[in-house]
Amino acid sequence: MDPRPTGRSLGLVETHGFVAAVEAADAMTKAARVTIARYEVTRGALVTILVRGELAEVEAAVAAGSAAAAAIGDLRRGHVIPSPSPEIESVLLTRRAAAQSAKPVRRHKAS
């Protein structure tokens, strides 16, 4: 695997509850030029939003998202990884996202 960094930082904001996570994601994308890479919902209603972008933009986005989540809900943690290793990127952003998109979608028939 290529050990060179991609040059795109990774920002994470973890909340307790989906509403706080949506508020954080909204604030993050409005405050800085970042893209939402994915989100993860785990047991106990913990939701993590992951964003990508240049370091200064990711830092601003995580600060804004953390403040927004704390204002309306339960912020657990905001964190920035300036230069994630390719291994982290492949595990967090590539393999899992591809596995999730491959899952079949169940559709319910309307009565």
PDB file of N, CA and C in Angstrom:
ATOM      1  N   MET A   1       0.845  -1.183   0.000  1.00  0.00           N
ATOM      2  CA  MET A   1       0.000   0.000   0.000  1.00  0.00           C
ATOM      3  C   MET A   1       0.886   1.240   0.000  1.00  0.00           C
ATOM      4  N   ASP A   2       0.486   2.249  -0.708  1.00  0.00           N
ATOM      5  CA  ASP A   2       1.228   3.489  -0.843  1.00  0.00           C
ATOM      6  C   ASP A   2       1.214   4.243   0.487  1.00  0.00           C
ATOM      7  N   PRO A   3       2.370   4.491   1.119  1.00  0.00           N
ATOM      8  CA  PRO A   3       2.402   5.141   2.436  1.00  0.00           C
ATOM      9  C   PRO A   3       2.254   6.655   2.398  1.00  0.00           C
ATOM     10  N   ARG A   4       2.180   7.260   1.211  1.00  0.00           N
ATOM     11  CA  ARG A   4       2.079   8.719   1.137  1.00  0.00           C
ATOM     12  C   ARG A   4       0.698   9.205   1.559  1.00  0.00           C
ATOM     13  N   PRO A   5       0.651  10.320   2.308  1.00  0.00           N
ATOM     14  CA  PRO A   5      -0.656  10.884   2.686  1.00  0.00           C
ATOM     15  C   PRO A   5      -1.351  11.499   1.480  1.00  0.00           C
ATOM     16  N   THR A   6      -2.660  11.612   1.567  1.00  0.00           N
ATOM     17  CA  THR A   6      -3.449  12.141   0.456  1.00  0.00           C
ATOM     18  C   THR A   6      -3.494  13.661   0.437  1.00  0.00           C
ATOM     19  N   GLY A   7      -3.145  14.317   1.541  1.00  0.00           N
ATOM     20  CA  GLY A   7      -3.218  15.767   1.594  1.00  0.00           C
ATOM     21  C   GLY A   7      -4.579  16.275   2.019  1.00  0.00           C
ATOM     22  N   ARG A   8      -5.492  15.369   2.329  1.00  0.00           N
ATOM     23  CA  ARG A   8      -6.824  15.765   2.781  1.00  0.00           C
ATOM     24  C   ARG A   8      -6.997  15.315   4.223  1.00  0.00           C
ATOM     25  N   SER A   9      -7.270  16.277   5.072  1.00  0.00           N
ATOM     26  CA  SER A   9      -7.452  15.985   6.486  1.00  0.00           C
ATOM     27  C   SER A   9      -8.807  15.338   6.728  1.00  0.00           C
ATOM     28  N   LEU A  10      -8.928  14.717   7.889  1.00  0.00           N
ATOM     29  CA  LEU A  10     -10.155  14.040   8.294  1.00  0.00           C
ATOM     30  C   LEU A  10     -10.642  14.650   9.592  1.00  0.00           C
ATOM     31  N   GLY A  11     -11.900  15.058   9.621  1.00  0.00           N
ATOM     32  CA  GLY A  11     -12.503  15.609  10.828  1.00  0.00           C
ATOM     33  C   GLY A  11     -13.652  14.737  11.281  1.00  0.00           C
ATOM     34  N   LEU A  12     -13.787  14.574  12.591  1.00  0.00           N
ATOM     35  CA  LEU A  12     -14.841  13.749  13.149  1.00  0.00           C
ATOM     36  C   LEU A  12     -15.564  14.514  14.249  1.00  0.00           C
ATOM     37  N   VAL A  13     -16.872  14.439  14.244  1.00  0.00           N
ATOM     38  CA  VAL A  13     -17.676  14.969  15.345  1.00  0.00           C
ATOM     39  C   VAL A  13     -18.627  13.860  15.756  1.00  0.00           C
ATOM     40  N   GLU A  14     -18.560  13.487  17.034  1.00  0.00           N
ATOM     41  CA  GLU A  14     -19.423  12.435  17.556  1.00  0.00           C
ATOM     42  C   GLU A  14     -20.428  13.034  18.525  1.00  0.00           C
ATOM     43  N   THR A  15     -21.696  12.655  18.324  1.00  0.00           N
ATOM     44  CA  THR A  15     -22.776  13.166  19.160  1.00  0.00           C
ATOM     45  C   THR A  15     -23.572  12.010  19.736  1.00  0.00           C
ATOM     46  N   HIS A  16     -24.370  12.332  20.717  1.00  0.00           N
ATOM     47  CA  HIS A  16     -25.361  11.380  21.211  1.00  0.00           C
ATOM     48  C   HIS A  16     -26.701  11.858  20.675  1.00  0.00           C
ATOM     49  N   GLY A  17     -27.211  11.143  19.687  1.00  0.00           N
ATOM     50  CA  GLY A  17     -28.476  11.513  19.079  1.00  0.00           C
ATOM     51  C   GLY A  17     -28.318  11.998  17.658  1.00  0.00           C
ATOM     52  N   PHE A  18     -29.295  11.637  16.825  1.00  0.00           N
ATOM     53  CA  PHE A  18     -29.232  11.950  15.404  1.00  0.00           C
ATOM     54  C   PHE A  18     -29.470  13.435  15.119  1.00  0.00           C
ATOM     55  N   VAL A  19     -30.363  14.064  15.869  1.00  0.00           N
ATOM     56  CA  VAL A  19     -30.666  15.481  15.622  1.00  0.00           C
ATOM     57  C   VAL A  19     -29.425  16.344  15.840  1.00  0.00           C
ATOM     58  N   ALA A  20     -28.695  16.086  16.899  1.00  0.00           N
ATOM     59  CA  ALA A  20     -27.465  16.841  17.156  1.00  0.00           C
ATOM     60  C   ALA A  20     -26.446  16.596  16.043  1.00  0.00           C
ATOM     61  N   ALA A  21     -26.411  15.378  15.510  1.00  0.00           N
ATOM     62  CA  ALA A  21     -25.482  15.073  14.419  1.00  0.00           C
ATOM     63  C   ALA A  21     -25.851  15.822  13.138  1.00  0.00           C
ATOM     64  N   VAL A  22     -27.135  15.903  12.851  1.00  0.00           N
ATOM     65  CA  VAL A  22     -27.566  16.646  11.664  1.00  0.00           C
ATOM     66  C   VAL A  22     -27.240  18.124  11.827  1.00  0.00           C
ATOM     67  N   GLU A  23     -27.468  18.655  13.007  1.00  0.00           N
ATOM     68  CA  GLU A  23     -27.130  20.057  13.280  1.00  0.00           C
ATOM     69  C   GLU A  23     -25.630  20.282  13.113  1.00  0.00           C
ATOM     70  N   ALA A  24     -24.819  19.339  13.608  1.00  0.00           N
ATOM     71  CA  ALA A  24     -23.368  19.450  13.472  1.00  0.00           C
ATOM     72  C   ALA A  24     -22.952  19.410  12.009  1.00  0.00           C
ATOM     73  N   ALA A  25     -23.519  18.477  11.246  1.00  0.00           N
ATOM     74  CA  ALA A  25     -23.169  18.354   9.825  1.00  0.00           C
ATOM     75  C   ALA A  25     -23.544  19.613   9.057  1.00  0.00           C
ATOM     76  N   ASP A  26     -24.704  20.168   9.363  1.00  0.00           N
ATOM     77  CA  ASP A  26     -25.135  21.400   8.709  1.00  0.00           C
ATOM     78  C   ASP A  26     -24.163  22.540   9.010  1.00  0.00           C
ATOM     79  N   ALA A  27     -23.805  22.681  10.270  1.00  0.00           N
ATOM     80  CA  ALA A  27     -22.867  23.743  10.661  1.00  0.00           C
ATOM     81  C   ALA A  27     -21.496  23.531  10.031  1.00  0.00           C
ATOM     82  N   MET A  28     -21.051  22.297   9.955  1.00  0.00           N
ATOM     83  CA  MET A  28     -19.734  22.000   9.397  1.00  0.00           C
ATOM     84  C   MET A  28     -19.652  22.392   7.924  1.00  0.00           C
ATOM     85  N   THR A  29     -20.672  22.035   7.165  1.00  0.00           N
ATOM     86  CA  THR A  29     -20.636  22.321   5.730  1.00  0.00           C
ATOM     87  C   THR A  29     -20.886  23.790   5.418  1.00  0.00           C
ATOM     88  N   LYS A  30     -21.546  24.504   6.326  1.00  0.00           N
ATOM     89  CA  LYS A  30     -21.751  25.945   6.132  1.00  0.00           C
ATOM     90  C   LYS A  30     -20.541  26.771   6.562  1.00  0.00           C
ATOM     91  N   ALA A  31     -19.787  26.268   7.529  1.00  0.00           N
ATOM     92  CA  ALA A  31     -18.673  27.029   8.096  1.00  0.00           C
ATOM     93  C   ALA A  31     -17.385  26.917   7.292  1.00  0.00           C
ATOM     94  N   ALA A  32     -17.242  25.842   6.524  1.00  0.00           N
ATOM     95  CA  ALA A  32     -15.966  25.617   5.844  1.00  0.00           C
ATOM     96  C   ALA A  32     -16.169  24.805   4.571  1.00  0.00           C
ATOM     97  N   ARG A  33     -15.152  24.838   3.738  1.00  0.00           N
ATOM     98  CA  ARG A  33     -15.202  24.074   2.486  1.00  0.00           C
ATOM     99  C   ARG A  33     -14.759  22.644   2.753  1.00  0.00           C
ATOM    100  N   VAL A  34     -15.685  21.842   3.230  1.00  0.00           N
ATOM    101  CA  VAL A  34     -15.442  20.433   3.496  1.00  0.00           C
ATOM    102  C   VAL A  34     -16.543  19.612   2.830  1.00  0.00           C
ATOM    103  N   THR A  35     -16.272  18.341   2.687  1.00  0.00           N
ATOM    104  CA  THR A  35     -17.295  17.429   2.191  1.00  0.00           C
ATOM    105  C   THR A  35     -17.556  16.372   3.249  1.00  0.00           C
ATOM    106  N   ILE A  36     -18.800  15.978   3.358  1.00  0.00           N
ATOM    107  CA  ILE A  36     -19.133  14.904   4.289  1.00  0.00           C
ATOM    108  C   ILE A  36     -18.742  13.594   3.618  1.00  0.00           C
ATOM    109  N   ALA A  37     -17.820  12.880   4.253  1.00  0.00           N
ATOM    110  CA  ALA A  37     -17.337  11.619   3.701  1.00  0.00           C
ATOM    111  C   ALA A  37     -18.296  10.484   4.030  1.00  0.00           C
ATOM    112  N   ARG A  38     -18.878  10.537   5.206  1.00  0.00           N
ATOM    113  CA  ARG A  38     -19.821   9.510   5.655  1.00  0.00           C
ATOM    114  C   ARG A  38     -20.296   9.839   7.053  1.00  0.00           C
ATOM    115  N   TYR A  39     -21.247   9.063   7.517  1.00  0.00           N
ATOM    116  CA  TYR A  39     -21.644   9.132   8.915  1.00  0.00           C
ATOM    117  C   TYR A  39     -21.869   7.718   9.403  1.00  0.00           C
ATOM    118  N   GLU A  40     -21.752   7.528  10.690  1.00  0.00           N
ATOM    119  CA  GLU A  40     -21.871   6.209  11.292  1.00  0.00           C
ATOM    120  C   GLU A  40     -22.789   6.308  12.502  1.00  0.00           C
ATOM    121  N   VAL A  41     -23.765   5.430  12.573  1.00  0.00           N
ATOM    122  CA  VAL A  41     -24.657   5.351  13.725  1.00  0.00           C
ATOM    123  C   VAL A  41     -24.347   4.046  14.445  1.00  0.00           C
ATOM    124  N   THR A  42     -24.072   4.137  15.744  1.00  0.00           N
ATOM    125  CA  THR A  42     -23.742   2.941  16.515  1.00  0.00           C
ATOM    126  C   THR A  42     -24.729   2.766  17.660  1.00  0.00           C
ATOM    127  N   ARG A  43     -24.560   1.701  18.387  1.00  0.00           N
ATOM    128  CA  ARG A  43     -25.436   1.435  19.531  1.00  0.00           C
ATOM    129  C   ARG A  43     -25.402   2.594  20.511  1.00  0.00           C
ATOM    130  N   GLY A  44     -26.491   2.767  21.196  1.00  0.00           N
ATOM    131  CA  GLY A  44     -26.560   3.836  22.167  1.00  0.00           C
ATOM    132  C   GLY A  44     -26.794   5.193  21.541  1.00  0.00           C
ATOM    133  N   ALA A  45     -27.205   5.207  20.285  1.00  0.00           N
ATOM    134  CA  ALA A  45     -27.524   6.442  19.564  1.00  0.00           C
ATOM    135  C   ALA A  45     -26.322   7.365  19.396  1.00  0.00           C
ATOM    136  N   LEU A  46     -25.127   6.783  19.328  1.00  0.00           N
ATOM    137  CA  LEU A  46     -23.950   7.592  19.026  1.00  0.00           C
ATOM    138  C   LEU A  46     -23.847   7.737  17.513  1.00  0.00           C
ATOM    139  N   VAL A  47     -23.645   8.971  17.066  1.00  0.00           N
ATOM    140  CA  VAL A  47     -23.544   9.257  15.634  1.00  0.00           C
ATOM    141  C   VAL A  47     -22.244  10.018  15.400  1.00  0.00           C
ATOM    142  N   THR A  48     -21.469   9.553  14.439  1.00  0.00           N
ATOM    143  CA  THR A  48     -20.220  10.215  14.091  1.00  0.00           C
ATOM    144  C   THR A  48     -20.302  10.706  12.654  1.00  0.00           C
ATOM    145  N   ILE A  49     -20.003  11.990  12.455  1.00  0.00           N
ATOM    146  CA  ILE A  49     -19.938  12.602  11.135  1.00  0.00           C
ATOM    147  C   ILE A  49     -18.464  12.736  10.773  1.00  0.00           C
ATOM    148  N   LEU A  50     -18.089  12.285   9.571  1.00  0.00           N
ATOM    149  CA  LEU A  50     -16.717  12.402   9.095  1.00  0.00           C
ATOM    150  C   LEU A  50     -16.689  13.352   7.906  1.00  0.00           C
ATOM    151  N   VAL A  51     -15.798  14.335   7.960  1.00  0.00           N
ATOM    152  CA  VAL A  51     -15.643  15.283   6.859  1.00  0.00           C
ATOM    153  C   VAL A  51     -14.207  15.275   6.369  1.00  0.00           C
ATOM    154  N   ARG A  52     -14.026  15.689   5.092  1.00  0.00           N
ATOM    155  CA  ARG A  52     -12.705  15.755   4.477  1.00  0.00           C
ATOM    156  C   ARG A  52     -12.475  17.132   3.899  1.00  0.00           C
ATOM    157  N   GLY A  53     -11.217  17.543   3.853  1.00  0.00           N
ATOM    158  CA  GLY A  53     -10.850  18.808   3.255  1.00  0.00           C
ATOM    159  C   GLY A  53      -9.442  19.199   3.659  1.00  0.00           C
ATOM    160  N   GLU A  54      -9.080  20.426   3.316  1.00  0.00           N
ATOM    161  CA  GLU A  54      -7.782  20.954   3.720  1.00  0.00           C
ATOM    162  C   GLU A  54      -7.792  21.171   5.238  1.00  0.00           C
ATOM    163  N   LEU A  55      -6.620  21.102   5.852  1.00  0.00           N
ATOM    164  CA  LEU A  55      -6.514  21.115   7.306  1.00  0.00           C
ATOM    165  C   LEU A  55      -7.240  22.293   7.958  1.00  0.00           C
ATOM    166  N   ALA A  56      -6.981  23.506   7.520  1.00  0.00           N
ATOM    167  CA  ALA A  56      -7.614  24.674   8.146  1.00  0.00           C
ATOM    168  C   ALA A  56      -9.131  24.621   8.007  1.00  0.00           C
ATOM    169  N   GLU A  57      -9.608  24.146   6.874  1.00  0.00           N
ATOM    170  CA  GLU A  57     -11.055  24.039   6.646  1.00  0.00           C
ATOM    171  C   GLU A  57     -11.667  22.979   7.557  1.00  0.00           C
ATOM    172  N   VAL A  58     -10.990  21.860   7.704  1.00  0.00           N
ATOM    173  CA  VAL A  58     -11.489  20.780   8.566  1.00  0.00           C
ATOM    174  C   VAL A  58     -11.490  21.234  10.019  1.00  0.00           C
ATOM    175  N   GLU A  59     -10.453  21.932  10.434  1.00  0.00           N
ATOM    176  CA  GLU A  59     -10.414  22.441  11.813  1.00  0.00           C
ATOM    177  C   GLU A  59     -11.580  23.395  12.069  1.00  0.00           C
ATOM    178  N   ALA A  60     -11.847  24.291  11.130  1.00  0.00           N
ATOM    179  CA  ALA A  60     -12.963  25.227  11.282  1.00  0.00           C
ATOM    180  C   ALA A  60     -14.297  24.483  11.299  1.00  0.00           C
ATOM    181  N   ALA A  61     -14.424  23.484  10.441  1.00  0.00           N
ATOM    182  CA  ALA A  61     -15.670  22.714  10.379  1.00  0.00           C
ATOM    183  C   ALA A  61     -15.917  21.948  11.664  1.00  0.00           C
ATOM    184  N   VAL A  62     -14.897  21.318  12.207  1.00  0.00           N
ATOM    185  CA  VAL A  62     -15.053  20.552  13.451  1.00  0.00           C
ATOM    186  C   VAL A  62     -15.390  21.478  14.613  1.00  0.00           C
ATOM    187  N   ALA A  63     -14.770  22.645  14.661  1.00  0.00           N
ATOM    188  CA  ALA A  63     -15.092  23.608  15.712  1.00  0.00           C
ATOM    189  C   ALA A  63     -16.549  24.054  15.613  1.00  0.00           C
ATOM    190  N   ALA A  64     -17.005  24.368  14.398  1.00  0.00           N
ATOM    191  CA  ALA A  64     -18.386  24.807  14.205  1.00  0.00           C
ATOM    192  C   ALA A  64     -19.375  23.681  14.494  1.00  0.00           C
ATOM    193  N   GLY A  65     -19.080  22.483  14.018  1.00  0.00           N
ATOM    194  CA  GLY A  65     -19.958  21.345  14.254  1.00  0.00           C
ATOM    195  C   GLY A  65     -20.037  20.965  15.710  1.00  0.00           C
ATOM    196  N   SER A  66     -18.923  21.042  16.394  1.00  0.00           N
ATOM    197  CA  SER A  66     -18.902  20.728  17.828  1.00  0.00           C
ATOM    198  C   SER A  66     -19.731  21.734  18.616  1.00  0.00           C
ATOM    199  N   ALA A  67     -19.584  23.004  18.285  1.00  0.00           N
ATOM    200  CA  ALA A  67     -20.355  24.044  18.972  1.00  0.00           C
ATOM    201  C   ALA A  67     -21.848  23.892  18.711  1.00  0.00           C
ATOM    202  N   ALA A  68     -22.215  23.595  17.481  1.00  0.00           N
ATOM    203  CA  ALA A  68     -23.625  23.442  17.134  1.00  0.00           C
ATOM    204  C   ALA A  68     -24.241  22.239  17.834  1.00  0.00           C
ATOM    205  N   ALA A  69     -23.527  21.131  17.857  1.00  0.00           N
ATOM    206  CA  ALA A  69     -24.039  19.936  18.522  1.00  0.00           C
ATOM    207  C   ALA A  69     -24.171  20.158  20.029  1.00  0.00           C
ATOM    208  N   ALA A  70     -23.202  20.826  20.615  1.00  0.00           N
ATOM    209  CA  ALA A  70     -23.246  21.087  22.058  1.00  0.00           C
ATOM    210  C   ALA A  70     -24.404  22.011  22.425  1.00  0.00           C
ATOM    211  N   ALA A  71     -24.752  22.907  21.514  1.00  0.00           N
ATOM    212  CA  ALA A  71     -25.813  23.873  21.794  1.00  0.00           C
ATOM    213  C   ALA A  71     -27.197  23.236  21.839  1.00  0.00           C
ATOM    214  N   ILE A  72     -27.410  22.167  21.074  1.00  0.00           N
ATOM    215  CA  ILE A  72     -28.754  21.573  21.047  1.00  0.00           C
ATOM    216  C   ILE A  72     -28.817  20.144  21.568  1.00  0.00           C
ATOM    217  N   GLY A  73     -27.674  19.536  21.797  1.00  0.00           N
ATOM    218  CA  GLY A  73     -27.706  18.133  22.190  1.00  0.00           C
ATOM    219  C   GLY A  73     -26.502  17.751  23.008  1.00  0.00           C
ATOM    220  N   ASP A  74     -26.041  16.574  22.745  1.00  0.00           N
ATOM    221  CA  ASP A  74     -24.961  16.002  23.530  1.00  0.00           C
ATOM    222  C   ASP A  74     -23.755  15.749  22.638  1.00  0.00           C
ATOM    223  N   LEU A  75     -22.793  16.650  22.680  1.00  0.00           N
ATOM    224  CA  LEU A  75     -21.541  16.470  21.955  1.00  0.00           C
ATOM    225  C   LEU A  75     -20.662  15.513  22.741  1.00  0.00           C
ATOM    226  N   ARG A  76     -20.170  14.485  22.096  1.00  0.00           N
ATOM    227  CA  ARG A  76     -19.242  13.567  22.751  1.00  0.00           C
ATOM    228  C   ARG A  76     -17.802  13.988  22.510  1.00  0.00           C
ATOM    229  N   ARG A  77     -17.443  14.273  21.234  1.00  0.00           N
ATOM    230  CA  ARG A  77     -16.059  14.633  20.939  1.00  0.00           C
ATOM    231  C   ARG A  77     -15.948  15.153  19.519  1.00  0.00           C
ATOM    232  N   GLY A  78     -15.078  16.123  19.327  1.00  0.00           N
ATOM    233  CA  GLY A  78     -14.672  16.569  18.002  1.00  0.00           C
ATOM    234  C   GLY A  78     -13.180  16.299  17.871  1.00  0.00           C
ATOM    235  N   HIS A  79     -12.746  15.860  16.700  1.00  0.00           N
ATOM    236  CA  HIS A  79     -11.330  15.518  16.543  1.00  0.00           C
ATOM    237  C   HIS A  79     -10.918  15.710  15.086  1.00  0.00           C
ATOM    238  N   VAL A  80      -9.666  16.134  14.887  1.00  0.00           N
ATOM    239  CA  VAL A  80      -9.109  16.320  13.547  1.00  0.00           C
ATOM    240  C   VAL A  80      -7.856  15.462  13.416  1.00  0.00           C
ATOM    241  N   ILE A  81      -7.770  14.735  12.315  1.00  0.00           N
ATOM    242  CA  ILE A  81      -6.552  14.010  11.963  1.00  0.00           C
ATOM    243  C   ILE A  81      -5.976  14.736  10.747  1.00  0.00           C
ATOM    244  N   PRO A  82      -4.868  15.461  10.935  1.00  0.00           N
ATOM    245  CA  PRO A  82      -4.340  16.301   9.858  1.00  0.00           C
ATOM    246  C   PRO A  82      -3.944  15.541   8.599  1.00  0.00           C
ATOM    247  N   SER A  83      -3.327  14.396   8.768  1.00  0.00           N
ATOM    248  CA  SER A  83      -2.855  13.631   7.617  1.00  0.00           C
ATOM    249  C   SER A  83      -3.067  12.144   7.885  1.00  0.00           C
ATOM    250  N   PRO A  84      -4.293  11.654   7.679  1.00  0.00           N
ATOM    251  CA  PRO A  84      -4.561  10.252   7.982  1.00  0.00           C
ATOM    252  C   PRO A  84      -3.755   9.312   7.083  1.00  0.00           C
ATOM    253  N   SER A  85      -3.348   8.208   7.653  1.00  0.00           N
ATOM    254  CA  SER A  85      -2.596   7.231   6.866  1.00  0.00           C
ATOM    255  C   SER A  85      -3.518   6.573   5.842  1.00  0.00           C
ATOM    256  N   PRO A  86      -2.961   6.099   4.762  1.00  0.00           N
ATOM    257  CA  PRO A  86      -3.782   5.411   3.757  1.00  0.00           C
ATOM    258  C   PRO A  86      -4.530   4.211   4.328  1.00  0.00           C
ATOM    259  N   GLU A  87      -3.951   3.546   5.320  1.00  0.00           N
ATOM    260  CA  GLU A  87      -4.620   2.406   5.929  1.00  0.00           C
ATOM    261  C   GLU A  87      -5.906   2.841   6.631  1.00  0.00           C
ATOM    262  N   ILE A  88      -5.848   3.960   7.345  1.00  0.00           N
ATOM    263  CA  ILE A  88      -7.044   4.492   8.003  1.00  0.00           C
ATOM    264  C   ILE A  88      -8.080   4.854   6.956  1.00  0.00           C
ATOM    265  N   GLU A  89      -7.639   5.497   5.896  1.00  0.00           N
ATOM    266  CA  GLU A  89      -8.564   5.891   4.833  1.00  0.00           C
ATOM    267  C   GLU A  89      -9.233   4.676   4.207  1.00  0.00           C
ATOM    268  N   SER A  90      -8.464   3.627   3.953  1.00  0.00           N
ATOM    269  CA  SER A  90      -9.050   2.460   3.305  1.00  0.00           C
ATOM    270  C   SER A  90     -10.040   1.746   4.226  1.00  0.00           C
ATOM    271  N   VAL A  91      -9.763   1.724   5.512  1.00  0.00           N
ATOM    272  CA  VAL A  91     -10.661   1.047   6.447  1.00  0.00           C
ATOM    273  C   VAL A  91     -11.895   1.889   6.741  1.00  0.00           C
ATOM    274  N   LEU A  92     -11.713   3.154   7.059  1.00  0.00           N
ATOM    275  CA  LEU A  92     -12.838   3.992   7.457  1.00  0.00           C
ATOM    276  C   LEU A  92     -13.668   4.499   6.290  1.00  0.00           C
ATOM    277  N   LEU A  93     -13.035   4.785   5.182  1.00  0.00           N
ATOM    278  CA  LEU A  93     -13.739   5.480   4.115  1.00  0.00           C
ATOM    279  C   LEU A  93     -14.029   4.637   2.879  1.00  0.00           C
ATOM    280  N   THR A  94     -13.223   3.629   2.603  1.00  0.00           N
ATOM    281  CA  THR A  94     -13.397   2.891   1.364  1.00  0.00           C
ATOM    282  C   THR A  94     -14.118   1.571   1.560  1.00  0.00           C
ATOM    283  N   ARG A  95     -13.556   0.692   2.321  1.00  0.00           N
ATOM    284  CA  ARG A  95     -14.133  -0.644   2.456  1.00  0.00           C
ATOM    285  C   ARG A  95     -15.511  -0.625   3.081  1.00  0.00           C
ATOM    286  N   ARG A  96     -15.666   0.089   4.164  1.00  0.00           N
ATOM    287  CA  ARG A  96     -16.951   0.129   4.868  1.00  0.00           C
ATOM    288  C   ARG A  96     -18.020   0.798   4.003  1.00  0.00           C
ATOM    289  N   ALA A  97     -17.663   1.892   3.366  1.00  0.00           N
ATOM    290  CA  ALA A  97     -18.626   2.593   2.522  1.00  0.00           C
ATOM    291  C   ALA A  97     -19.052   1.711   1.352  1.00  0.00           C
ATOM    292  N   ALA A  98     -18.112   0.976   0.761  1.00  0.00           N
ATOM    293  CA  ALA A  98     -18.447   0.086  -0.346  1.00  0.00           C
ATOM    294  C   ALA A  98     -19.328  -1.052   0.133  1.00  0.00           C
ATOM    295  N   ALA A  99     -19.052  -1.573   1.318  1.00  0.00           N
ATOM    296  CA  ALA A  99     -19.867  -2.662   1.860  1.00  0.00           C
ATOM    297  C   ALA A  99     -21.282  -2.192   2.147  1.00  0.00           C
ATOM    298  N   GLN A 100     -21.419  -0.969   2.639  1.00  0.00           N
ATOM    299  CA  GLN A 100     -22.751  -0.448   2.929  1.00  0.00           C
ATOM    300  C   GLN A 100     -23.531  -0.199   1.654  1.00  0.00           C
ATOM    301  N   SER A 101     -22.875   0.285   0.616  1.00  0.00           N
ATOM    302  CA  SER A 101     -23.598   0.567  -0.615  1.00  0.00           C
ATOM    303  C   SER A 101     -23.994  -0.717  -1.339  1.00  0.00           C
ATOM    304  N   ALA A 102     -23.338  -1.829  -1.006  1.00  0.00           N
ATOM    305  CA  ALA A 102     -23.658  -3.093  -1.653  1.00  0.00           C
ATOM    306  C   ALA A 102     -24.849  -3.792  -1.009  1.00  0.00           C
ATOM    307  N   LYS A 103     -25.275  -3.350   0.161  1.00  0.00           N
ATOM    308  CA  LYS A 103     -26.403  -3.978   0.834  1.00  0.00           C
ATOM    309  C   LYS A 103     -27.686  -3.718   0.057  1.00  0.00           C
ATOM    310  N   PRO A 104     -28.518  -4.745  -0.078  1.00  0.00           N
ATOM    311  CA  PRO A 104     -29.793  -4.527  -0.781  1.00  0.00           C
ATOM    312  C   PRO A 104     -30.728  -3.647   0.039  1.00  0.00           C
ATOM    313  N   VAL A 105     -31.512  -2.876  -0.672  1.00  0.00           N
ATOM    314  CA  VAL A 105     -32.468  -2.001  -0.012  1.00  0.00           C
ATOM    315  C   VAL A 105     -33.825  -2.693  -0.016  1.00  0.00           C
ATOM    316  N   ARG A 106     -34.437  -2.813   1.155  1.00  0.00           N
ATOM    317  CA  ARG A 106     -35.755  -3.413   1.249  1.00  0.00           C
ATOM    318  C   ARG A 106     -36.817  -2.344   1.025  1.00  0.00           C
ATOM    319  N   ARG A 107     -37.702  -2.619   0.157  1.00  0.00           N
ATOM    320  CA  ARG A 107     -38.787  -1.680  -0.127  1.00  0.00           C
ATOM    321  C   ARG A 107     -40.090  -2.319   0.310  1.00  0.00           C
ATOM    322  N   HIS A 108     -40.908  -1.522   0.977  1.00  0.00           N
ATOM    323  CA  HIS A 108     -42.202  -2.001   1.425  1.00  0.00           C
ATOM    324  C   HIS A 108     -43.266  -1.547   0.424  1.00  0.00           C
ATOM    325  N   LYS A 109     -44.153  -2.461   0.111  1.00  0.00           N
ATOM    326  CA  LYS A 109     -45.229  -2.118  -0.816  1.00  0.00           C
ATOM    327  C   LYS A 109     -46.268  -1.286  -0.086  1.00  0.00           C
ATOM    328  N   ALA A 110     -46.730  -0.258  -0.762  1.00  0.00           N
ATOM    329  CA  ALA A 110     -47.794   0.588  -0.192  1.00  0.00           C
ATOM    330  C   ALA A 110     -49.110  -0.164  -0.271  1.00  0.00           C
ATOM    331  N   SER A 111     -49.893  -0.049   0.776  1.00  0.00           N
ATOM    332  CA  SER A 111     -51.187  -0.749   0.803  1.00  0.00           C
ATOM    333  C   SER A 111     -52.274   0.063   0.175  1.00  0.00           C
TER     334      SER A 111
END
